[in-house]
PDB file of N, CA and C in Angstrom:
ATOM      1  N   UNK A   1      -4.194 -19.093 -14.964  1.00  0.00           N
ATOM      2  CA  UNK A   1      -3.181 -19.026 -14.944  1.00  0.00           C
ATOM      3  C   UNK A   1      -2.344 -19.787 -14.563  1.00  0.00           C
ATOM      4  N   UNK A   2      -0.989 -20.167 -15.807  1.00  0.00           N
ATOM      5  CA  UNK A   2      -0.165 -21.303 -15.471  1.00  0.00           C
ATOM      6  C   UNK A   2       1.138 -20.901 -14.789  1.00  0.00           C
ATOM      7  N   UNK A   3       1.672 -22.329 -14.504  1.00  0.00           N
ATOM      8  CA  UNK A   3       2.693 -22.137 -13.543  1.00  0.00           C
ATOM      9  C   UNK A   3       4.324 -20.821 -14.508  1.00  0.00           C
ATOM     10  N   UNK A   4       4.044 -21.562 -15.759  1.00  0.00           N
ATOM     11  CA  UNK A   4       5.266 -20.315 -16.422  1.00  0.00           C
ATOM     12  C   UNK A   4       4.691 -19.026 -17.079  1.00  0.00           C
ATOM     13  N   UNK A   5       2.848 -18.282 -16.650  1.00  0.00           N
ATOM     14  CA  UNK A   5       2.497 -16.654 -16.427  1.00  0.00           C
ATOM     15  C   UNK A   5       2.319 -16.475 -15.129  1.00  0.00           C
ATOM     16  N   UNK A   6       2.310 -17.687 -13.957  1.00  0.00           N
ATOM     17  CA  UNK A   6       3.223 -16.644 -12.903  1.00  0.00           C
ATOM     18  C   UNK A   6       3.953 -16.000 -12.762  1.00  0.00           C
ATOM     19  N   UNK A   7       5.133 -17.645 -12.879  1.00  0.00           N
ATOM     20  CA  UNK A   7       6.253 -17.112 -13.031  1.00  0.00           C
ATOM     21  C   UNK A   7       6.962 -16.141 -13.800  1.00  0.00           C
ATOM     22  N   UNK A   8       6.455 -16.035 -14.735  1.00  0.00           N
ATOM     23  CA  UNK A   8       6.705 -14.591 -15.705  1.00  0.00           C
ATOM     24  C   UNK A   8       6.631 -13.438 -14.560  1.00  0.00           C
ATOM     25  N   UNK A   9       5.207 -13.242 -14.212  1.00  0.00           N
ATOM     26  CA  UNK A   9       4.728 -12.407 -12.931  1.00  0.00           C
ATOM     27  C   UNK A   9       5.749 -12.168 -12.482  1.00  0.00           C
ATOM     28  N   UNK A  10       6.268 -13.460 -11.531  1.00  0.00           N
ATOM     29  CA  UNK A  10       7.132 -13.385 -10.163  1.00  0.00           C
ATOM     30  C   UNK A  10       7.938 -12.476 -10.334  1.00  0.00           C
ATOM     31  N   UNK A  11       8.889 -12.536 -12.036  1.00  0.00           N
ATOM     32  CA  UNK A  11      10.244 -12.625 -11.620  1.00  0.00           C
ATOM     33  C   UNK A  11      10.195 -11.326 -12.580  1.00  0.00           C
ATOM     34  N   UNK A  12       9.000 -10.644 -13.622  1.00  0.00           N
ATOM     35  CA  UNK A  12       9.309  -9.509 -14.450  1.00  0.00           C
ATOM     36  C   UNK A  12       8.470  -8.222 -14.098  1.00  0.00           C
ATOM     37  N   UNK A  13       7.260  -8.477 -13.260  1.00  0.00           N
ATOM     38  CA  UNK A  13       6.028  -7.230 -13.231  1.00  0.00           C
ATOM     39  C   UNK A  13       6.412  -7.569 -11.979  1.00  0.00           C
ATOM     40  N   UNK A  14       5.950  -8.663 -11.116  1.00  0.00           N
ATOM     41  CA  UNK A  14       5.486  -8.245  -9.693  1.00  0.00           C
ATOM     42  C   UNK A  14       6.817  -7.096  -8.800  1.00  0.00           C
ATOM     43  N   UNK A  15       5.927  -5.931  -8.004  1.00  0.00           N
ATOM     44  CA  UNK A  15       6.740  -4.572  -7.533  1.00  0.00           C
ATOM     45  C   UNK A  15       7.184  -5.529  -6.244  1.00  0.00           C
ATOM     46  N   UNK A  16       8.457  -5.638  -5.412  1.00  0.00           N
ATOM     47  CA  UNK A  16       8.324  -5.806  -4.279  1.00  0.00           C
ATOM     48  C   UNK A  16       8.623  -4.661  -2.998  1.00  0.00           C
ATOM     49  N   UNK A  17       7.561  -4.139  -2.868  1.00  0.00           N
ATOM     50  CA  UNK A  17       7.645  -2.418  -1.658  1.00  0.00           C
ATOM     51  C   UNK A  17       6.989  -3.093  -0.783  1.00  0.00           C
ATOM     52  N   UNK A  18       6.766  -4.286  -0.064  1.00  0.00           N
ATOM     53  CA  UNK A  18       6.486  -4.582   0.431  1.00  0.00           C
ATOM     54  C   UNK A  18       6.005  -6.514   0.735  1.00  0.00           C
ATOM     55  N   UNK A  19       6.151  -6.741   1.593  1.00  0.00           N
ATOM     56  CA  UNK A  19       5.678  -8.394   1.605  1.00  0.00           C
ATOM     57  C   UNK A  19       4.632  -8.894   1.033  1.00  0.00           C
ATOM     58  N   UNK A  20       3.881  -8.078   0.690  1.00  0.00           N
ATOM     59  CA  UNK A  20       1.797  -8.801   0.972  1.00  0.00           C
ATOM     60  C   UNK A  20       1.860  -9.242  -0.435  1.00  0.00           C
ATOM     61  N   UNK A  21       2.411  -9.188  -1.588  1.00  0.00           N
ATOM     62  CA  UNK A  21       2.096 -10.079  -3.297  1.00  0.00           C
ATOM     63  C   UNK A  21       2.921 -11.196  -2.433  1.00  0.00           C
ATOM     64  N   UNK A  22       4.488 -11.283  -2.519  1.00  0.00           N
ATOM     65  CA  UNK A  22       4.741 -12.616  -1.896  1.00  0.00           C
ATOM     66  C   UNK A  22       3.642 -13.617  -1.263  1.00  0.00           C
ATOM     67  N   UNK A  23       3.389 -13.241  -0.406  1.00  0.00           N
ATOM     68  CA  UNK A  23       2.336 -13.907   0.638  1.00  0.00           C
ATOM     69  C   UNK A  23       1.185 -14.268   0.408  1.00  0.00           C
ATOM     70  N   UNK A  24       0.755 -13.107  -0.445  1.00  0.00           N
ATOM     71  CA  UNK A  24      -0.826 -13.393  -0.917  1.00  0.00           C
ATOM     72  C   UNK A  24      -0.219 -14.708  -1.785  1.00  0.00           C
ATOM     73  N   UNK A  25       0.600 -14.659  -2.657  1.00  0.00           N
ATOM     74  CA  UNK A  25       0.148 -15.520  -3.265  1.00  0.00           C
ATOM     75  C   UNK A  25       0.786 -16.506  -2.801  1.00  0.00           C
ATOM     76  N   UNK A  26       1.945 -16.564  -1.880  1.00  0.00           N
ATOM     77  CA  UNK A  26       2.037 -18.585  -1.413  1.00  0.00           C
ATOM     78  C   UNK A  26       1.515 -19.033  -0.158  1.00  0.00           C
ATOM     79  N   UNK A  27       0.611 -17.982   0.439  1.00  0.00           N
ATOM     80  CA  UNK A  27      -0.690 -18.059   1.083  1.00  0.00           C
ATOM     81  C   UNK A  27      -1.844 -19.131   0.193  1.00  0.00           C
ATOM     82  N   UNK A  28      -2.345 -18.425  -0.678  1.00  0.00           N
ATOM     83  CA  UNK A  28      -3.361 -19.189  -2.322  1.00  0.00           C
ATOM     84  C   UNK A  28      -2.476 -20.487  -2.229  1.00  0.00           C
ATOM     85  N   UNK A  29      -1.480 -20.759  -3.054  1.00  0.00           N
ATOM     86  CA  UNK A  29      -0.358 -21.208  -2.992  1.00  0.00           C
ATOM     87  C   UNK A  29      -0.247 -23.106  -2.592  1.00  0.00           C
ATOM     88  N   UNK A  30       0.043 -22.185  -1.221  1.00  0.00           N
ATOM     89  CA  UNK A  30      -0.508 -23.398  -0.352  1.00  0.00           C
ATOM     90  C   UNK A  30      -1.738 -23.649   0.114  1.00  0.00           C
ATOM     91  N   UNK A  31      -3.047 -23.131  -0.261  1.00  0.00           N
ATOM     92  CA  UNK A  31      -4.302 -23.759   0.418  1.00  0.00           C
ATOM     93  C   UNK A  31      -5.321 -24.026  -1.184  1.00  0.00           C
ATOM     94  N   UNK A  32      -4.343 -24.694  -1.545  1.00  0.00           N
ATOM     95  CA  UNK A  32      -4.438 -24.869  -3.535  1.00  0.00           C
ATOM     96  C   UNK A  32      -5.566 -23.997  -4.181  1.00  0.00           C
ATOM     97  N   UNK A  33      -5.140 -22.621  -3.720  1.00  0.00           N
ATOM     98  CA  UNK A  33      -5.501 -21.471  -5.002  1.00  0.00           C
ATOM     99  C   UNK A  33      -6.382 -20.474  -4.141  1.00  0.00           C
ATOM    100  N   UNK A  34      -7.803 -21.258  -3.094  1.00  0.00           N
ATOM    101  CA  UNK A  34      -7.986 -20.462  -2.296  1.00  0.00           C
ATOM    102  C   UNK A  34      -8.472 -19.998  -1.451  1.00  0.00           C
ATOM    103  N   UNK A  35      -8.716 -19.577  -0.423  1.00  0.00           N
ATOM    104  CA  UNK A  35      -8.473 -19.162   0.550  1.00  0.00           C
ATOM    105  C   UNK A  35      -9.287 -17.657   1.267  1.00  0.00           C
ATOM    106  N   UNK A  36      -9.532 -17.396   2.411  1.00  0.00           N
ATOM    107  CA  UNK A  36     -10.539 -16.131   2.125  1.00  0.00           C
ATOM    108  C   UNK A  36      -9.728 -14.732   2.319  1.00  0.00           C
ATOM    109  N   UNK A  37     -10.203 -13.939   2.739  1.00  0.00           N
ATOM    110  CA  UNK A  37      -8.996 -12.901   3.235  1.00  0.00           C
ATOM    111  C   UNK A  37      -8.752 -12.803   4.204  1.00  0.00           C
ATOM    112  N   UNK A  38      -9.442 -13.182   5.396  1.00  0.00           N
ATOM    113  CA  UNK A  38      -8.679 -13.433   7.207  1.00  0.00           C
ATOM    114  C   UNK A  38      -7.712 -14.493   6.804  1.00  0.00           C
ATOM    115  N   UNK A  39      -7.535 -15.609   5.964  1.00  0.00           N
ATOM    116  CA  UNK A  39      -6.986 -16.267   5.954  1.00  0.00           C
ATOM    117  C   UNK A  39      -5.789 -15.663   5.449  1.00  0.00           C
ATOM    118  N   UNK A  40      -5.520 -15.149   4.860  1.00  0.00           N
ATOM    119  CA  UNK A  40      -4.608 -13.912   4.046  1.00  0.00           C
ATOM    120  C   UNK A  40      -3.858 -12.901   4.702  1.00  0.00           C
ATOM    121  N   UNK A  41      -4.985 -12.298   5.581  1.00  0.00           N
ATOM    122  CA  UNK A  41      -4.456 -11.225   6.487  1.00  0.00           C
ATOM    123  C   UNK A  41      -3.842 -11.788   7.594  1.00  0.00           C
ATOM    124  N   UNK A  42      -4.484 -12.700   8.049  1.00  0.00           N
ATOM    125  CA  UNK A  42      -3.219 -13.420   8.991  1.00  0.00           C
ATOM    126  C   UNK A  42      -1.993 -13.902   8.262  1.00  0.00           C
ATOM    127  N   UNK A  43      -2.193 -14.397   7.570  1.00  0.00           N
ATOM    128  CA  UNK A  43      -0.733 -14.966   6.815  1.00  0.00           C
ATOM    129  C   UNK A  43       0.451 -13.759   6.532  1.00  0.00           C
ATOM    130  N   UNK A  44      -0.487 -12.474   6.178  1.00  0.00           N
ATOM    131  CA  UNK A  44       0.882 -11.558   5.924  1.00  0.00           C
ATOM    132  C   UNK A  44       1.132 -11.032   7.191  1.00  0.00           C
ATOM    133  N   UNK A  45      -0.159 -10.772   8.279  1.00  0.00           N
ATOM    134  CA  UNK A  45       0.416 -10.500   9.445  1.00  0.00           C
ATOM    135  C   UNK A  45       2.063 -10.762  10.069  1.00  0.00           C
ATOM    136  N   UNK A  46       1.311 -12.864   9.627  1.00  0.00           N
ATOM    137  CA  UNK A  46       2.614 -14.173  10.420  1.00  0.00           C
ATOM    138  C   UNK A  46       3.796 -13.681  10.160  1.00  0.00           C
ATOM    139  N   UNK A  47       3.911 -12.953   8.434  1.00  0.00           N
ATOM    140  CA  UNK A  47       5.322 -12.770   7.838  1.00  0.00           C
ATOM    141  C   UNK A  47       5.954 -11.199   8.107  1.00  0.00           C
ATOM    142  N   UNK A  48       4.769 -10.031   8.712  1.00  0.00           N
ATOM    143  CA  UNK A  48       5.830  -8.748   8.616  1.00  0.00           C
ATOM    144  C   UNK A  48       6.282  -8.725  10.577  1.00  0.00           C
ATOM    145  N   UNK A  49       7.705  -9.190  10.085  1.00  0.00           N
ATOM    146  CA  UNK A  49       7.705  -8.810  11.179  1.00  0.00           C
ATOM    147  C   UNK A  49       7.741  -6.543  11.782  1.00  0.00           C
ATOM    148  N   UNK A  50       7.512  -5.849  11.372  1.00  0.00           N
ATOM    149  CA  UNK A  50       7.115  -4.649  11.568  1.00  0.00           C
ATOM    150  C   UNK A  50       5.946  -4.313  12.443  1.00  0.00           C
ATOM    151  N   UNK A  51       4.896  -5.400  12.430  1.00  0.00           N
ATOM    152  CA  UNK A  51       3.818  -5.591  13.052  1.00  0.00           C
ATOM    153  C   UNK A  51       3.634  -6.469  14.265  1.00  0.00           C
ATOM    154  N   UNK A  52       4.762  -7.624  14.512  1.00  0.00           N
ATOM    155  CA  UNK A  52       5.101  -7.598  16.086  1.00  0.00           C
ATOM    156  C   UNK A  52       5.516  -6.620  16.676  1.00  0.00           C
ATOM    157  N   UNK A  53       6.971  -6.372  16.311  1.00  0.00           N
ATOM    158  CA  UNK A  53       7.549  -4.667  16.914  1.00  0.00           C
ATOM    159  C   UNK A  53       6.546  -3.871  17.289  1.00  0.00           C
ATOM    160  N   UNK A  54       5.601  -3.610  16.352  1.00  0.00           N
ATOM    161  CA  UNK A  54       5.038  -2.929  17.017  1.00  0.00           C
ATOM    162  C   UNK A  54       3.847  -2.902  17.740  1.00  0.00           C
ATOM    163  N   UNK A  55       2.956  -4.607  17.875  1.00  0.00           N
ATOM    164  CA  UNK A  55       2.584  -5.079  18.938  1.00  0.00           C
ATOM    165  C   UNK A  55       3.766  -5.321  20.988  1.00  0.00           C
ATOM    166  N   UNK A  56       4.954  -5.738  19.869  1.00  0.00           N
ATOM    167  CA  UNK A  56       5.894  -5.289  21.580  1.00  0.00           C
ATOM    168  C   UNK A  56       5.272  -4.088  22.348  1.00  0.00           C
ATOM    169  N   UNK A  57       5.797  -2.656  20.978  1.00  0.00           N
ATOM    170  CA  UNK A  57       5.534  -2.002  22.045  1.00  0.00           C
ATOM    171  C   UNK A  57       4.206  -1.896  22.794  1.00  0.00           C
ATOM    172  N   UNK A  58       3.274  -1.847  21.889  1.00  0.00           N
ATOM    173  CA  UNK A  58       2.058  -1.793  22.789  1.00  0.00           C
ATOM    174  C   UNK A  58       1.798  -2.408  24.326  1.00  0.00           C
ATOM    175  N   UNK A  59       2.597  -3.810  24.418  1.00  0.00           N
ATOM    176  CA  UNK A  59       2.318  -4.241  25.956  1.00  0.00           C
ATOM    177  C   UNK A  59       3.595  -4.078  26.741  1.00  0.00           C
ATOM    178  N   UNK A  60       4.674  -3.872  25.930  1.00  0.00           N
ATOM    179  CA  UNK A  60       5.623  -3.534  26.666  1.00  0.00           C
ATOM    180  C   UNK A  60       5.564  -1.188  27.180  1.00  0.00           C
ATOM    181  N   UNK A  61       4.510  -0.655  26.544  1.00  0.00           N
ATOM    182  CA  UNK A  61       4.157   0.572  26.997  1.00  0.00           C
ATOM    183  C   UNK A  61       3.084   0.968  26.719  1.00  0.00           C
ATOM    184  N   UNK A  62       2.305   0.100  27.125  1.00  0.00           N
ATOM    185  CA  UNK A  62       0.472   0.317  27.171  1.00  0.00           C
ATOM    186  C   UNK A  62      -0.387  -0.531  28.416  1.00  0.00           C
ATOM    187  N   UNK A  63      -0.345  -1.926  27.970  1.00  0.00           N
ATOM    188  CA  UNK A  63      -0.542  -2.808  28.148  1.00  0.00           C
ATOM    189  C   UNK A  63       0.010  -3.293  29.537  1.00  0.00           C
ATOM    190  N   UNK A  64       1.051  -3.667  29.556  1.00  0.00           N
ATOM    191  CA  UNK A  64       1.938  -4.480  30.403  1.00  0.00           C
ATOM    192  C   UNK A  64       2.117  -3.335  31.654  1.00  0.00           C
ATOM    193  N   UNK A  65       2.093  -2.154  31.108  1.00  0.00           N
ATOM    194  CA  UNK A  65       2.236  -0.716  32.580  1.00  0.00           C
ATOM    195  C   UNK A  65       0.996  -1.189  33.359  1.00  0.00           C
ATOM    196  N   UNK A  66      -0.257  -1.365  32.480  1.00  0.00           N
ATOM    197  CA  UNK A  66      -1.584  -0.811  33.588  1.00  0.00           C
ATOM    198  C   UNK A  66      -1.637  -2.348  34.276  1.00  0.00           C
ATOM    199  N   UNK A  67      -0.944  -3.721  33.498  1.00  0.00           N
ATOM    200  CA  UNK A  67      -0.999  -4.152  34.163  1.00  0.00           C
ATOM    201  C   UNK A  67      -0.276  -4.732  35.512  1.00  0.00           C
ATOM    202  N   UNK A  68       0.267  -4.153  35.157  1.00  0.00           N
ATOM    203  CA  UNK A  68       1.728  -4.462  36.956  1.00  0.00           C
ATOM    204  C   UNK A  68       1.614  -3.173  37.263  1.00  0.00           C
ATOM    205  N   UNK A  69       0.864  -1.838  37.058  1.00  0.00           N
ATOM    206  CA  UNK A  69       0.466  -1.221  38.227  1.00  0.00           C
ATOM    207  C   UNK A  69      -0.389  -1.643  38.968  1.00  0.00           C
ATOM    208  N   UNK A  70      -1.761  -2.560  38.410  1.00  0.00           N
ATOM    209  CA  UNK A  70      -2.480  -3.180  39.301  1.00  0.00           C
ATOM    210  C   UNK A  70      -2.360  -4.592  39.486  1.00  0.00           C
ATOM    211  N   UNK A  71      -0.791  -4.699  39.693  1.00  0.00           N
ATOM    212  CA  UNK A  71      -0.123  -5.923  40.753  1.00  0.00           C
ATOM    213  C   UNK A  71      -0.840  -7.728  39.746  1.00  0.00           C
ATOM    214  N   UNK A  72      -1.169  -8.009  38.652  1.00  0.00           N
ATOM    215  CA  UNK A  72      -1.833  -8.331  37.995  1.00  0.00           C
ATOM    216  C   UNK A  72      -0.635  -9.310  37.581  1.00  0.00           C
ATOM    217  N   UNK A  73      -0.084  -9.080  36.571  1.00  0.00           N
ATOM    218  CA  UNK A  73       1.024  -9.181  36.163  1.00  0.00           C
ATOM    219  C   UNK A  73       2.350  -8.917  36.635  1.00  0.00           C
ATOM    220  N   UNK A  74       3.700  -9.535  36.720  1.00  0.00           N
ATOM    221  CA  UNK A  74       5.063  -8.930  37.029  1.00  0.00           C
ATOM    222  C   UNK A  74       6.199  -9.430  35.773  1.00  0.00           C
ATOM    223  N   UNK A  75       7.294  -8.362  35.416  1.00  0.00           N
ATOM    224  CA  UNK A  75       8.067  -8.621  34.442  1.00  0.00           C
ATOM    225  C   UNK A  75       8.875  -8.736  34.774  1.00  0.00           C
ATOM    226  N   UNK A  76       9.699  -9.660  33.772  1.00  0.00           N
ATOM    227  CA  UNK A  76      11.254 -10.012  34.368  1.00  0.00           C
ATOM    228  C   UNK A  76      11.762 -10.095  32.898  1.00  0.00           C
ATOM    229  N   UNK A  77      12.504  -8.995  32.943  1.00  0.00           N
ATOM    230  CA  UNK A  77      13.260  -8.842  31.386  1.00  0.00           C
ATOM    231  C   UNK A  77      12.366  -8.487  30.450  1.00  0.00           C
ATOM    232  N   UNK A  78      12.423  -9.155  29.703  1.00  0.00           N
ATOM    233  CA  UNK A  78      11.321  -9.665  28.519  1.00  0.00           C
ATOM    234  C   UNK A  78      10.105 -10.629  28.717  1.00  0.00           C
ATOM    235  N   UNK A  79       9.763 -11.395  29.932  1.00  0.00           N
ATOM    236  CA  UNK A  79       8.618 -11.998  29.975  1.00  0.00           C
ATOM    237  C   UNK A  79       8.008 -11.703  31.010  1.00  0.00           C
ATOM    238  N   UNK A  80       6.535 -11.807  30.909  1.00  0.00           N
ATOM    239  CA  UNK A  80       5.559 -11.738  31.726  1.00  0.00           C
ATOM    240  C   UNK A  80       4.821 -12.738  32.381  1.00  0.00           C
ATOM    241  N   UNK A  81       4.805 -12.572  33.903  1.00  0.00           N
ATOM    242  CA  UNK A  81       3.656 -13.642  33.951  1.00  0.00           C
ATOM    243  C   UNK A  81       2.547 -13.247  35.261  1.00  0.00           C
ATOM    244  N   UNK A  82       1.508 -13.863  35.537  1.00  0.00           N
ATOM    245  CA  UNK A  82       1.153 -13.287  36.090  1.00  0.00           C
ATOM    246  C   UNK A  82       1.698 -13.522  37.864  1.00  0.00           C
ATOM    247  N   UNK A  83       0.464 -13.042  38.250  1.00  0.00           N
ATOM    248  CA  UNK A  83       1.496 -12.635  40.018  1.00  0.00           C
ATOM    249  C   UNK A  83       1.059 -13.343  40.820  1.00  0.00           C
TER     250      UNK A  83
END
């Protein structure tokens, strides 16, 4: 696919229901046109704020609670540290 074909696809046919397609294309272009599923998945994760929010919630309400209960970590505001 040449630049004009890709440009046409992005401008006229690609649907932006989420960030997946543009992030995958960006990752491929930045990697010289080829990368692994894992590299693409990591790139999507790095650009997906909803996943970051989900895992912040896991830290706040699950993992952080358990480790604080066992007196392994302490929390000040949004920061955690070893005790």
